[in-house]
């Protein structure tokens, strides 16, 4: 009987994971979209960073709670199964509550556009939007393509380091699985701080390319320092270097989102951020597989140097990006637009729409 039930449960588990993976695609692209629709030019980058922080906070909780809720009880399988059920039911309850709150409390957009650039976009009738054409426009945008690759490299490297962190730590510090989880938590928490600081800095300076390039270089340096100090025998050093690495690598996430929105305006923020996340997932899968193989066969240093080489390529690609801040130029009045902030439900004359968007471009 158990043998006949197990395959069904296994299939159900795979189906559930597939649903969660599909849902993640929509959630990861929300920060830049929500920030642009709801926040003005002086706070949009900070809002995006806070939204990214929320995602990282969930990751931090993921490092912290599972070992507490599901302690290691190898001699009592029934207790382990019970603890796992509690964890999953708890997650389901929280997710369901958030789902209903989102449907009841949140509105799609504010009554009045928060910025000049959003006022322009809201004059376009929904039926005029073409997702296919938007994708084509984005891939014709050379600066965005360069950012797409460099973002994928950086974020994919971060995913790979996070996934293989336990293996790297245990290789040099046998029996330190608990501290490996704590180092992962340190990496994520430091990244949350980095995200907020980078968002505040962007709102204050609007130096998108310069900030992105500097953070990329510092992430590269942090990866090298982490790599060459990992085997020194001092866990305290690993905590510090892991925190520094997480600070810059995670701090890069809102920078990439916001830079993409700037250089692709007036294309949808959801489309550009969705492509960035797709690139990150592709690079993350490849990097994790290759680094995992190199770490197993030759040690953590070789695997990290592999990531370091690709990160250096990302620095070069970032330096080649032309910083054409279209959204910022519209909000600053550099691009002449005769558009006023109007309520979302107000009627719009279709014949004026084309002229307004063309002037934005």
Protein backbone atom coordinates (compact mmCIF):
# COMPACT_ATOMS: atom_id res chain seq x y z
CA UNK A 1 0.00 0.00 0.00
CA UNK A 2 2.81 2.43 0.91
CA UNK A 3 4.58 1.70 -2.36
CA UNK A 4 1.45 2.57 -4.32
CA UNK A 5 0.82 5.80 -2.40
CA UNK A 6 4.38 7.14 -2.49
CA UNK A 7 4.50 7.77 -6.28
CA UNK A 8 1.25 9.74 -6.09
CA UNK A 9 2.59 11.90 -3.27
CA UNK A 10 5.83 12.41 -5.16
CA UNK A 11 3.94 13.54 -8.27
CA UNK A 12 1.80 15.88 -6.14
CA UNK A 13 4.95 17.37 -4.60
CA UNK A 14 6.45 18.00 -8.03
CA UNK A 15 3.21 19.61 -9.24
CA UNK A 16 3.14 21.88 -6.18
CA UNK A 17 6.74 22.93 -6.76
CA UNK A 18 5.93 23.69 -10.40
CA UNK A 19 3.00 25.92 -9.34
CA UNK A 20 5.24 27.76 -6.85
CA UNK A 21 7.89 28.23 -9.53
CA UNK A 22 5.34 29.70 -11.95
CA UNK A 23 4.04 32.03 -9.24
CA UNK A 24 7.58 33.22 -8.51
CA UNK A 25 7.93 34.47 -12.09
CA UNK A 26 5.13 36.98 -11.48
CA UNK A 27 6.29 37.99 -8.00
CA UNK A 28 9.95 38.66 -8.80
CA UNK A 29 9.06 41.29 -11.39
CA UNK A 30 6.84 43.32 -9.06
CA UNK A 31 9.36 45.68 -7.37
CA UNK A 32 10.09 47.97 -10.33
CA UNK A 33 6.47 47.87 -11.54
CA UNK A 34 4.93 48.81 -8.19
CA UNK A 35 7.59 51.46 -7.54
CA UNK A 36 7.03 53.15 -10.92
CA UNK A 37 3.23 53.12 -10.73
CA UNK A 38 2.87 54.31 -7.14
CA UNK A 39 5.93 56.47 -6.33
CA UNK A 40 7.31 59.75 -7.61
CA UNK A 41 10.76 60.48 -9.12
CA UNK A 42 12.40 61.24 -5.76
CA UNK A 43 11.37 57.97 -4.11
CA UNK A 44 10.90 55.43 -6.88
CA UNK A 45 14.31 53.75 -6.50
CA UNK A 46 13.96 53.52 -2.73
CA UNK A 47 10.51 51.98 -3.14
CA UNK A 48 11.94 49.41 -5.56
CA UNK A 49 14.72 48.63 -3.08
CA UNK A 50 12.21 48.14 -0.25
CA UNK A 51 10.22 45.73 -2.42
CA UNK A 52 13.41 43.79 -3.21
CA UNK A 53 14.14 43.83 0.54
CA UNK A 54 10.80 42.11 1.12
CA UNK A 55 11.87 39.27 -1.15
CA UNK A 56 15.20 38.98 0.64
CA UNK A 57 13.43 39.06 4.02
CA UNK A 58 11.48 36.00 2.94
CA UNK A 59 14.76 34.32 1.99
CA UNK A 60 16.21 35.19 5.39
CA UNK A 61 13.19 33.65 7.11
CA UNK A 62 13.71 30.62 4.88
CA UNK A 63 17.23 30.25 6.29
CA UNK A 64 16.06 30.76 9.87
CA UNK A 65 12.73 28.99 10.42
CA UNK A 66 12.96 25.53 8.72
CA UNK A 67 15.75 24.25 11.03
CA UNK A 68 13.64 25.40 14.01
CA UNK A 69 10.34 23.99 12.78
CA UNK A 70 11.86 20.76 11.42
CA UNK A 71 14.73 19.76 13.72
CA UNK A 72 16.88 16.79 12.83
CA UNK A 73 15.09 13.69 14.22
CA UNK A 74 16.49 10.77 12.18
CA UNK A 75 15.19 8.17 14.65
CA UNK A 76 11.57 9.37 14.50
CA UNK A 77 10.30 9.58 10.92
CA UNK A 78 6.70 10.21 12.02
CA UNK A 79 7.77 13.26 14.06
CA UNK A 80 9.74 14.59 11.09
CA UNK A 81 6.71 14.19 8.84
CA UNK A 82 4.53 15.96 11.41
CA UNK A 83 6.96 18.88 11.69
CA UNK A 84 7.16 19.23 7.90
CA UNK A 85 3.37 19.28 7.72
CA UNK A 86 3.24 22.09 10.29
CA UNK A 87 5.76 24.11 8.28
CA UNK A 88 3.89 23.63 5.00
CA UNK A 89 0.45 24.32 6.49
CA UNK A 90 1.81 27.45 8.15
CA UNK A 91 3.22 28.66 4.83
CA UNK A 92 -0.09 27.94 3.09
CA UNK A 93 -2.07 29.89 5.72
CA UNK A 94 0.21 32.93 5.51
CA UNK A 95 0.15 32.86 1.69
CA UNK A 96 -3.65 32.61 1.62
CA UNK A 97 -4.06 35.56 3.99
CA UNK A 98 -1.69 37.66 1.87
CA UNK A 99 -3.62 36.66 -1.27
CA UNK A 100 -6.93 37.90 0.15
CA UNK A 101 -5.36 41.08 1.52
CA UNK A 102 -3.90 41.84 -1.91
CA UNK A 103 -7.27 41.37 -3.59
CA UNK A 104 -9.23 43.40 -1.05
CA UNK A 105 -6.88 46.18 0.08
CA UNK A 106 -4.65 47.02 -2.88
CA UNK A 107 -5.68 49.02 -5.93
CA UNK A 108 -4.14 48.66 -9.38
CA UNK A 109 -2.88 52.25 -9.55
CA UNK A 110 -3.33 55.58 -7.73
CA UNK A 111 -6.02 58.07 -8.69
CA UNK A 112 -3.42 60.54 -9.95
CA UNK A 113 -0.15 59.51 -11.64
CA UNK A 114 2.80 60.12 -9.27
CA UNK A 115 5.13 61.35 -12.01
CA UNK A 116 5.20 62.98 -15.42
CA UNK A 117 6.48 59.77 -17.02
CA UNK A 118 3.56 57.75 -15.61
CA UNK A 119 1.11 60.39 -16.81
CA UNK A 120 2.39 59.87 -20.34
CA UNK A 121 2.06 56.08 -20.15
CA UNK A 122 -1.48 56.25 -18.78
CA UNK A 123 -2.66 58.12 -21.87
CA UNK A 124 -2.15 54.96 -23.92
CA UNK A 125 -5.30 52.82 -24.25
CA UNK A 126 -4.71 49.24 -22.98
CA UNK A 127 -5.73 47.80 -26.36
CA UNK A 128 -2.80 49.61 -27.99
CA UNK A 129 -0.27 47.67 -25.92
CA UNK A 130 1.42 44.72 -27.61
CA UNK A 131 3.47 42.38 -25.44
CA UNK A 132 5.10 40.85 -28.51
CA UNK A 133 6.12 44.26 -29.88
CA UNK A 134 7.40 45.27 -26.45
CA UNK A 135 9.68 42.22 -26.37
CA UNK A 136 10.94 43.02 -29.87
CA UNK A 137 11.63 46.63 -28.89
CA UNK A 138 13.57 45.55 -25.83
CA UNK A 139 15.80 43.16 -27.76
CA UNK A 140 16.49 45.90 -30.30
CA UNK A 141 17.66 48.10 -27.43
CA UNK A 142 21.42 47.37 -27.28
CA UNK A 143 22.00 48.97 -23.83
CA UNK A 144 19.21 46.82 -22.41
CA UNK A 145 20.64 43.66 -23.99
CA UNK A 146 24.01 44.42 -22.37
CA UNK A 147 22.28 44.98 -19.04
CA UNK A 148 20.25 41.81 -19.52
CA UNK A 149 23.43 39.74 -19.80
CA UNK A 150 25.36 41.54 -17.06
CA UNK A 151 22.38 41.37 -14.67
CA UNK A 152 22.02 37.65 -15.38
CA UNK A 153 25.71 37.09 -14.63
CA UNK A 154 25.67 38.95 -11.32
CA UNK A 155 22.39 37.59 -10.02
CA UNK A 156 23.12 34.10 -11.32
CA UNK A 157 26.45 34.17 -9.46
CA UNK A 158 24.62 35.21 -6.28
CA UNK A 159 22.13 32.35 -6.71
CA UNK A 160 24.97 29.90 -7.23
CA UNK A 161 26.93 31.07 -4.16
CA UNK A 162 23.77 30.93 -2.02
CA UNK A 163 22.91 27.43 -3.23
CA UNK A 164 26.40 25.97 -2.74
CA UNK A 165 27.32 27.92 0.40
CA UNK A 166 26.70 25.00 2.74
CA UNK A 167 28.89 22.71 0.60
CA UNK A 168 31.70 25.29 0.52
CA UNK A 169 31.61 25.86 4.29
CA UNK A 170 31.45 22.18 5.23
CA UNK A 171 34.38 21.40 2.91
CA UNK A 172 36.70 23.56 5.04
CA UNK A 173 34.82 23.46 8.36
CA UNK A 174 33.57 19.93 8.96
CA UNK A 175 30.50 19.63 11.16
CA UNK A 176 29.62 23.34 10.93
CA UNK A 177 26.29 22.96 9.13
CA UNK A 178 24.53 25.21 11.65
CA UNK A 179 27.07 27.99 11.17
CA UNK A 180 26.77 27.54 7.40
CA UNK A 181 23.09 28.41 7.72
CA UNK A 182 23.95 31.40 9.88
CA UNK A 183 26.47 32.61 7.31
CA UNK A 184 23.76 32.32 4.66
CA UNK A 185 21.46 34.36 6.88
CA UNK A 186 24.23 36.96 7.34
CA UNK A 187 24.69 37.15 3.58
CA UNK A 188 20.97 37.80 3.04
CA UNK A 189 20.54 40.30 5.89
CA UNK A 190 23.58 42.29 4.76
CA UNK A 191 22.07 42.28 1.27
CA UNK A 192 18.86 43.77 2.62
CA UNK A 193 20.83 46.68 4.04
CA UNK A 194 22.70 47.04 0.75
CA UNK A 195 19.43 47.17 -1.21
CA UNK A 196 18.05 50.04 0.86
CA UNK A 197 21.28 52.05 0.74
CA UNK A 198 21.57 51.62 -3.03
CA UNK A 199 17.94 52.65 -3.52
CA UNK A 200 18.37 55.78 -1.40
CA UNK A 201 21.56 56.66 -3.25
CA UNK A 202 19.87 56.36 -6.65
CA UNK A 203 17.01 58.63 -5.62
CA UNK A 204 19.50 61.17 -4.33
CA UNK A 205 21.98 61.16 -7.23
CA UNK A 206 20.26 59.56 -10.26
CA UNK A 207 23.69 58.14 -11.20
CA UNK A 208 22.37 54.84 -12.49
CA UNK A 209 25.25 53.62 -14.62
CA UNK A 210 28.01 54.88 -12.33
CA UNK A 211 26.42 53.31 -9.24
CA UNK A 212 25.69 50.05 -11.04
CA UNK A 213 29.27 49.81 -12.29
CA UNK A 214 30.82 50.61 -8.90
CA UNK A 215 28.65 48.06 -7.08
CA UNK A 216 29.50 45.49 -9.76
CA UNK A 217 33.24 46.09 -9.25
CA UNK A 218 32.88 45.91 -5.44
CA UNK A 219 30.94 42.64 -5.78
CA UNK A 220 33.79 41.25 -7.88
CA UNK A 221 36.34 42.29 -5.27
CA UNK A 222 34.14 40.88 -2.49
CA UNK A 223 33.91 37.54 -4.29
CA UNK A 224 37.69 37.35 -4.62
CA UNK A 225 38.22 38.21 -0.94
CA UNK A 226 35.63 35.62 0.08
CA UNK A 227 37.30 33.02 -2.13
CA UNK A 228 40.83 33.48 -0.84
CA UNK A 229 39.89 33.76 2.85
CA UNK A 230 37.45 30.84 2.93
CA UNK A 231 40.11 28.27 3.87
CA UNK A 232 41.97 30.30 6.51
CA UNK A 233 40.33 28.35 9.32
CA UNK A 234 38.50 31.29 10.95
CA UNK A 235 34.71 31.20 10.73
CA UNK A 236 34.52 34.80 11.93
CA UNK A 237 36.35 35.89 8.78
CA UNK A 238 33.87 33.94 6.65
CA UNK A 239 30.97 35.67 8.41
CA UNK A 240 32.49 39.08 7.62
CA UNK A 241 33.45 38.37 4.01
CA UNK A 242 30.11 36.64 3.36
CA UNK A 243 28.28 39.67 4.73
CA UNK A 244 30.28 42.04 2.52
CA UNK A 245 29.62 39.85 -0.51
CA UNK A 246 25.89 39.76 0.19
CA UNK A 247 25.80 43.52 0.80
CA UNK A 248 27.02 44.35 -2.70
CA UNK A 249 25.57 41.41 -4.68
CA UNK A 250 22.06 41.87 -3.31
CA UNK A 251 22.39 45.65 -3.36
CA UNK A 252 22.83 45.29 -7.11
CA UNK A 253 19.32 43.86 -7.60
CA UNK A 254 17.30 47.11 -7.35
CA UNK A 255 20.02 48.89 -9.33
CA UNK A 256 19.52 46.52 -12.24
CA UNK A 257 15.72 46.86 -12.12
CA UNK A 258 15.78 50.65 -11.99
CA UNK A 259 18.52 51.05 -14.62
CA UNK A 260 16.50 48.81 -16.96
CA UNK A 261 13.35 50.91 -16.49
CA UNK A 262 15.31 54.09 -17.24
CA UNK A 263 16.90 52.91 -20.49
CA UNK A 264 13.78 51.13 -21.80
CA UNK A 265 11.07 53.73 -21.08
CA UNK A 266 8.26 53.79 -22.19
CA UNK A 267 8.22 49.99 -22.34
CA UNK A 268 6.45 48.26 -19.46
CA UNK A 269 8.48 47.86 -16.27
CA UNK A 270 6.99 44.40 -15.82
CA UNK A 271 8.32 43.26 -19.19
CA UNK A 272 11.88 44.50 -18.64
CA UNK A 273 12.08 43.16 -15.08
CA UNK A 274 10.60 39.85 -16.22
CA UNK A 275 13.34 39.45 -18.82
CA UNK A 276 15.98 40.35 -16.23
CA UNK A 277 14.66 37.66 -13.90
CA UNK A 278 14.58 35.12 -16.73
CA UNK A 279 18.21 35.91 -17.50
CA UNK A 280 19.11 35.56 -13.82
CA UNK A 281 17.40 32.16 -13.60
CA UNK A 282 19.16 30.85 -16.72
CA UNK A 283 22.60 31.99 -15.57
CA UNK A 284 21.82 30.78 -12.05
CA UNK A 285 21.05 27.25 -13.23
CA UNK A 286 24.14 27.04 -15.43
CA UNK A 287 26.44 28.59 -12.81
CA UNK A 288 25.13 26.34 -10.03
CA UNK A 289 25.65 23.19 -12.10
CA UNK A 290 29.15 24.16 -13.26
CA UNK A 291 30.32 25.59 -9.96
CA UNK A 292 28.93 22.57 -8.12
CA UNK A 293 30.90 20.23 -10.37
CA UNK A 294 34.09 22.28 -10.01
CA UNK A 295 33.66 22.50 -6.23
CA UNK A 296 33.19 18.74 -5.94
CA UNK A 297 36.13 17.85 -8.19
CA UNK A 298 38.64 20.61 -7.44
CA UNK A 299 37.43 22.47 -4.35
CA UNK A 300 35.49 25.66 -3.53
CA UNK A 301 38.29 28.00 -4.69
CA UNK A 302 38.12 26.74 -8.28
CA UNK A 303 34.35 27.04 -8.34
CA UNK A 304 34.45 30.59 -6.98
CA UNK A 305 37.16 31.62 -9.44
CA UNK A 306 34.87 30.41 -12.22
CA UNK A 307 32.22 32.83 -10.97
CA UNK A 308 34.84 35.55 -10.58
CA UNK A 309 35.85 35.25 -14.23
CA UNK A 310 32.26 35.66 -15.36
CA UNK A 311 31.72 38.57 -12.98
CA UNK A 312 34.69 40.33 -14.57
CA UNK A 313 32.98 39.88 -17.95
CA UNK A 314 29.89 41.47 -16.43
CA UNK A 315 31.94 44.51 -15.39
CA UNK A 316 33.07 45.02 -18.99
CA UNK A 317 29.51 44.68 -20.32
CA UNK A 318 28.22 47.16 -17.74
CA UNK A 319 30.89 49.68 -18.71
CA UNK A 320 29.69 49.46 -22.34
CA UNK A 321 26.07 50.35 -21.52
CA UNK A 322 24.99 53.73 -22.87
CA UNK A 323 23.28 55.62 -20.06
CA UNK A 324 20.20 57.05 -21.78
CA UNK A 325 17.94 57.90 -18.84
CA UNK A 326 14.65 58.28 -20.71
CA UNK A 327 12.29 58.21 -17.74
CA UNK A 328 14.42 60.65 -15.75
CA UNK A 329 14.59 63.01 -18.73
CA UNK A 330 10.80 63.01 -19.06
CA UNK A 331 10.32 63.65 -15.33
CA UNK A 332 12.92 66.44 -15.42
CA UNK A 333 11.29 68.15 -18.39
CA UNK A 334 14.35 67.65 -20.62
CA UNK A 335 12.04 65.95 -23.11
CA UNK A 336 9.23 68.36 -23.91
CA UNK A 337 5.85 66.86 -23.15
CA UNK A 338 2.51 68.60 -22.94
CA UNK A 339 0.97 66.17 -20.46
CA UNK A 340 -0.76 66.87 -17.17
CA UNK A 341 -1.35 64.43 -14.33
CA UNK A 342 -4.97 63.39 -14.66
CA UNK A 343 -7.13 60.85 -12.83
CA UNK A 344 -6.79 57.35 -14.19
CA UNK A 345 -10.49 57.15 -14.97
CA UNK A 346 -10.50 60.43 -16.91
CA UNK A 347 -11.25 60.22 -20.64
CA UNK A 348 -8.26 60.52 -22.97
CA UNK A 349 -8.30 61.63 -26.56
CA UNK A 350 -6.83 58.72 -28.57
CA UNK A 351 -5.57 60.97 -31.36
CA UNK A 352 -3.15 62.71 -28.96
CA UNK A 353 -1.66 59.52 -27.62
CA UNK A 354 0.77 58.83 -30.45
CA UNK A 355 2.23 62.32 -30.37
CA UNK A 356 2.82 62.15 -26.62
CA UNK A 357 4.56 58.80 -26.73
CA UNK A 358 6.66 59.75 -29.73
CA UNK A 359 7.82 62.86 -27.95
CA UNK A 360 8.81 60.70 -25.00
CA UNK A 361 10.99 58.65 -27.29
